[in-house]
């Protein structure tokens, strides 16, 4: 039996010691996307797969205290994170262990870890952003 945790969805991130989100860039207009669409929604150009920045800043966030879907911890924070290096704003889970550290403009770093279950009810890996420790901001 395979006991290794699988990603919540294939093709959107790489795990391991240096996790990366897998995005896309249009070969015509150079816009970046996450997750990767089929074609560029702006110019219908072809997309090439790219690895996105692992650091960003919280643009805005909310702490959800309702029944959590997919076995996520309760409460669970979500928010928009600006990946400034990529000039891209993405929606993401935020670290549920660091709710008290969240603030607008706070620097965050990508993490991948076990959290919740997938569509089939199996434990899985998810990406999320966590606040960086003091002195690294």
C-alpha atoms as a PDB file:
ATOM      1  CA  UNK A   1       0.000   0.000   0.000  1.00  0.00           C
ATOM      2  CA  UNK A   2       1.331   3.454  -0.972  1.00  0.00           C
ATOM      3  CA  UNK A   3       1.501   5.578   2.200  1.00  0.00           C
ATOM      4  CA  UNK A   4       3.161   8.631   0.612  1.00  0.00           C
ATOM      5  CA  UNK A   5       0.857  11.668   0.669  1.00  0.00           C
ATOM      6  CA  UNK A   6      -0.146  12.942  -2.744  1.00  0.00           C
ATOM      7  CA  UNK A   7      -0.832  16.571  -3.716  1.00  0.00           C
ATOM      8  CA  UNK A   8      -4.415  17.808  -3.386  1.00  0.00           C
ATOM      9  CA  UNK A   9      -4.315  18.282  -7.175  1.00  0.00           C
ATOM     10  CA  UNK A  10      -1.639  17.247  -9.649  1.00  0.00           C
ATOM     11  CA  UNK A  11       0.290  19.866 -11.605  1.00  0.00           C
ATOM     12  CA  UNK A  12      -0.087  22.949  -9.396  1.00  0.00           C
ATOM     13  CA  UNK A  13       2.921  22.601  -7.093  1.00  0.00           C
ATOM     14  CA  UNK A  14       6.089  20.660  -6.406  1.00  0.00           C
ATOM     15  CA  UNK A  15       6.725  19.515  -2.849  1.00  0.00           C
ATOM     16  CA  UNK A  16       9.981  18.587  -1.191  1.00  0.00           C
ATOM     17  CA  UNK A  17      12.507  20.725   0.644  1.00  0.00           C
ATOM     18  CA  UNK A  18      12.170  23.586  -1.890  1.00  0.00           C
ATOM     19  CA  UNK A  19       8.480  23.699  -2.866  1.00  0.00           C
ATOM     20  CA  UNK A  20       7.428  25.644  -5.951  1.00  0.00           C
ATOM     21  CA  UNK A  21       4.083  26.648  -7.410  1.00  0.00           C
ATOM     22  CA  UNK A  22       3.724  25.680 -11.055  1.00  0.00           C
ATOM     23  CA  UNK A  23       2.361  28.545 -13.112  1.00  0.00           C
ATOM     24  CA  UNK A  24       2.424  29.563 -16.730  1.00  0.00           C
ATOM     25  CA  UNK A  25       3.615  32.438 -18.905  1.00  0.00           C
ATOM     26  CA  UNK A  26       2.172  33.447 -22.272  1.00  0.00           C
ATOM     27  CA  UNK A  27       4.666  33.257 -25.120  1.00  0.00           C
ATOM     28  CA  UNK A  28       2.961  36.221 -26.875  1.00  0.00           C
ATOM     29  CA  UNK A  29       2.063  38.786 -24.204  1.00  0.00           C
ATOM     30  CA  UNK A  30       4.323  37.540 -21.343  1.00  0.00           C
ATOM     31  CA  UNK A  31       1.510  37.573 -18.745  1.00  0.00           C
ATOM     32  CA  UNK A  32       1.860  35.059 -15.915  1.00  0.00           C
ATOM     33  CA  UNK A  33      -0.874  32.863 -14.435  1.00  0.00           C
ATOM     34  CA  UNK A  34      -1.610  30.538 -11.551  1.00  0.00           C
ATOM     35  CA  UNK A  35      -2.960  27.983 -11.900  1.00  0.00           C
ATOM     36  CA  UNK A  36      -2.094  27.341 -15.527  1.00  0.00           C
ATOM     37  CA  UNK A  37      -5.024  27.936 -17.919  1.00  0.00           C
ATOM     38  CA  UNK A  38      -5.330  26.068 -21.226  1.00  0.00           C
ATOM     39  CA  UNK A  39      -4.492  29.174 -23.303  1.00  0.00           C
ATOM     40  CA  UNK A  40      -3.801  32.811 -22.466  1.00  0.00           C
ATOM     41  CA  UNK A  41      -7.172  34.416 -21.620  1.00  0.00           C
ATOM     42  CA  UNK A  42      -5.897  37.789 -22.909  1.00  0.00           C
ATOM     43  CA  UNK A  43      -4.487  36.928 -26.347  1.00  0.00           C
ATOM     44  CA  UNK A  44      -5.150  33.171 -26.740  1.00  0.00           C
ATOM     45  CA  UNK A  45      -1.392  32.617 -26.986  1.00  0.00           C
ATOM     46  CA  UNK A  46       0.335  29.388 -26.064  1.00  0.00           C
ATOM     47  CA  UNK A  47       1.562  29.006 -22.515  1.00  0.00           C
ATOM     48  CA  UNK A  48       4.806  27.632 -21.178  1.00  0.00           C
ATOM     49  CA  UNK A  49       5.081  26.148 -17.702  1.00  0.00           C
ATOM     50  CA  UNK A  50       7.150  28.149 -15.193  1.00  0.00           C
ATOM     51  CA  UNK A  51       8.046  27.932 -11.514  1.00  0.00           C
ATOM     52  CA  UNK A  52       6.759  30.898  -9.517  1.00  0.00           C
ATOM     53  CA  UNK A  53       8.356  32.869  -6.711  1.00  0.00           C
ATOM     54  CA  UNK A  54       8.179  31.325  -3.248  1.00  0.00           C
ATOM     55  CA  UNK A  55       7.864  34.636  -1.378  1.00  0.00           C
ATOM     56  CA  UNK A  56       5.239  37.342  -1.362  1.00  0.00           C
ATOM     57  CA  UNK A  57       3.202  39.759   0.717  1.00  0.00           C
ATOM     58  CA  UNK A  58      -0.329  39.461   2.046  1.00  0.00           C
ATOM     59  CA  UNK A  59      -2.577  41.797   0.058  1.00  0.00           C
ATOM     60  CA  UNK A  60      -5.681  40.927   2.078  1.00  0.00           C
ATOM     61  CA  UNK A  61      -6.941  38.004   4.128  1.00  0.00           C
ATOM     62  CA  UNK A  62      -9.876  36.596   6.057  1.00  0.00           C
ATOM     63  CA  UNK A  63     -10.180  34.052   8.842  1.00  0.00           C
ATOM     64  CA  UNK A  64     -13.036  31.663   8.159  1.00  0.00           C
ATOM     65  CA  UNK A  65     -14.723  30.262  11.228  1.00  0.00           C
ATOM     66  CA  UNK A  66     -17.448  28.250   9.501  1.00  0.00           C
ATOM     67  CA  UNK A  67     -17.354  24.484   8.993  1.00  0.00           C
ATOM     68  CA  UNK A  68     -14.146  23.887   7.071  1.00  0.00           C
ATOM     69  CA  UNK A  69     -14.279  21.967   3.771  1.00  0.00           C
ATOM     70  CA  UNK A  70     -11.917  19.108   2.909  1.00  0.00           C
ATOM     71  CA  UNK A  71     -10.954  18.480   6.521  1.00  0.00           C
ATOM     72  CA  UNK A  72      -9.096  21.777   6.847  1.00  0.00           C
ATOM     73  CA  UNK A  73      -8.380  22.980  10.371  1.00  0.00           C
ATOM     74  CA  UNK A  74     -10.948  25.269  11.913  1.00  0.00           C
ATOM     75  CA  UNK A  75     -10.669  28.258  11.822  1.00  0.00           C
ATOM     76  CA  UNK A  76      -8.658  28.541   8.620  1.00  0.00           C
ATOM     77  CA  UNK A  77      -7.197  31.673   7.017  1.00  0.00           C
ATOM     78  CA  UNK A  78      -7.269  32.436   3.291  1.00  0.00           C
ATOM     79  CA  UNK A  79      -6.073  35.455   1.398  1.00  0.00           C
ATOM     80  CA  UNK A  80      -4.649  37.092  -1.682  1.00  0.00           C
ATOM     81  CA  UNK A  81      -0.858  36.982  -1.831  1.00  0.00           C
ATOM     82  CA  UNK A  82       1.191  39.243  -4.091  1.00  0.00           C
ATOM     83  CA  UNK A  83       4.110  37.411  -5.669  1.00  0.00           C
ATOM     84  CA  UNK A  84       5.930  40.660  -6.384  1.00  0.00           C
ATOM     85  CA  UNK A  85       8.782  39.060  -8.335  1.00  0.00           C
ATOM     86  CA  UNK A  86       6.225  37.548 -10.750  1.00  0.00           C
ATOM     87  CA  UNK A  87       3.854  40.542 -10.703  1.00  0.00           C
ATOM     88  CA  UNK A  88       1.050  38.126  -9.864  1.00  0.00           C
ATOM     89  CA  UNK A  89      -1.657  38.056  -7.161  1.00  0.00           C
ATOM     90  CA  UNK A  90      -2.905  34.603  -6.186  1.00  0.00           C
ATOM     91  CA  UNK A  91      -5.545  33.257  -3.802  1.00  0.00           C
ATOM     92  CA  UNK A  92      -4.175  30.850  -1.205  1.00  0.00           C
ATOM     93  CA  UNK A  93      -4.578  29.181   2.137  1.00  0.00           C
ATOM     94  CA  UNK A  94      -2.507  30.828   4.857  1.00  0.00           C
ATOM     95  CA  UNK A  95      -0.819  29.039   7.741  1.00  0.00           C
ATOM     96  CA  UNK A  96      -3.537  28.086  10.275  1.00  0.00           C
ATOM     97  CA  UNK A  97      -0.862  27.821  13.004  1.00  0.00           C
ATOM     98  CA  UNK A  98       0.065  31.513  12.629  1.00  0.00           C
ATOM     99  CA  UNK A  99      -3.309  33.268  12.514  1.00  0.00           C
ATOM    100  CA  UNK A 100      -2.198  35.809  15.129  1.00  0.00           C
ATOM    101  CA  UNK A 101       0.773  36.826  12.930  1.00  0.00           C
ATOM    102  CA  UNK A 102      -1.316  37.756   9.881  1.00  0.00           C
ATOM    103  CA  UNK A 103      -1.427  41.363   8.734  1.00  0.00           C
ATOM    104  CA  UNK A 104      -1.785  43.307   5.504  1.00  0.00           C
ATOM    105  CA  UNK A 105       1.560  43.714   3.734  1.00  0.00           C
ATOM    106  CA  UNK A 106       3.234  41.024   5.879  1.00  0.00           C
ATOM    107  CA  UNK A 107       5.894  38.967   4.104  1.00  0.00           C
ATOM    108  CA  UNK A 108       5.050  35.311   3.587  1.00  0.00           C
ATOM    109  CA  UNK A 109       6.806  32.240   2.224  1.00  0.00           C
ATOM    110  CA  UNK A 110       5.460  29.180   0.420  1.00  0.00           C
ATOM    111  CA  UNK A 111       5.167  25.899   2.283  1.00  0.00           C
ATOM    112  CA  UNK A 112       3.791  22.496   1.333  1.00  0.00           C
ATOM    113  CA  UNK A 113       2.568  20.113   3.977  1.00  0.00           C
ATOM    114  CA  UNK A 114      -0.126  17.661   5.017  1.00  0.00           C
ATOM    115  CA  UNK A 115      -3.429  19.442   5.468  1.00  0.00           C
ATOM    116  CA  UNK A 116      -6.957  18.133   5.063  1.00  0.00           C
ATOM    117  CA  UNK A 117      -8.177  15.592   2.545  1.00  0.00           C
ATOM    118  CA  UNK A 118      -8.547  15.404  -1.244  1.00  0.00           C
ATOM    119  CA  UNK A 119     -11.778  14.929  -3.236  1.00  0.00           C
ATOM    120  CA  UNK A 120     -11.691  11.208  -2.396  1.00  0.00           C
ATOM    121  CA  UNK A 121     -11.336  11.765   1.361  1.00  0.00           C
ATOM    122  CA  UNK A 122      -7.653  10.749   1.491  1.00  0.00           C
ATOM    123  CA  UNK A 123      -5.102  12.816   3.467  1.00  0.00           C
ATOM    124  CA  UNK A 124      -3.123  15.030   1.091  1.00  0.00           C
ATOM    125  CA  UNK A 125      -0.477  17.711   0.680  1.00  0.00           C
ATOM    126  CA  UNK A 126      -1.526  21.335   0.177  1.00  0.00           C
ATOM    127  CA  UNK A 127       0.383  24.494  -0.519  1.00  0.00           C
ATOM    128  CA  UNK A 128      -0.048  27.478   1.782  1.00  0.00           C
ATOM    129  CA  UNK A 129       1.823  30.621   2.730  1.00  0.00           C
ATOM    130  CA  UNK A 130       3.238  31.212   6.203  1.00  0.00           C
ATOM    131  CA  UNK A 131       4.445  34.428   7.782  1.00  0.00           C
ATOM    132  CA  UNK A 132       8.204  34.792   7.909  1.00  0.00           C
ATOM    133  CA  UNK A 133       9.939  34.938  11.274  1.00  0.00           C
ATOM    134  CA  UNK A 134      11.025  38.241  12.759  1.00  0.00           C
ATOM    135  CA  UNK A 135      14.332  39.443  11.382  1.00  0.00           C
ATOM    136  CA  UNK A 136      13.610  37.914   7.969  1.00  0.00           C
ATOM    137  CA  UNK A 137      10.986  40.455   6.964  1.00  0.00           C
END
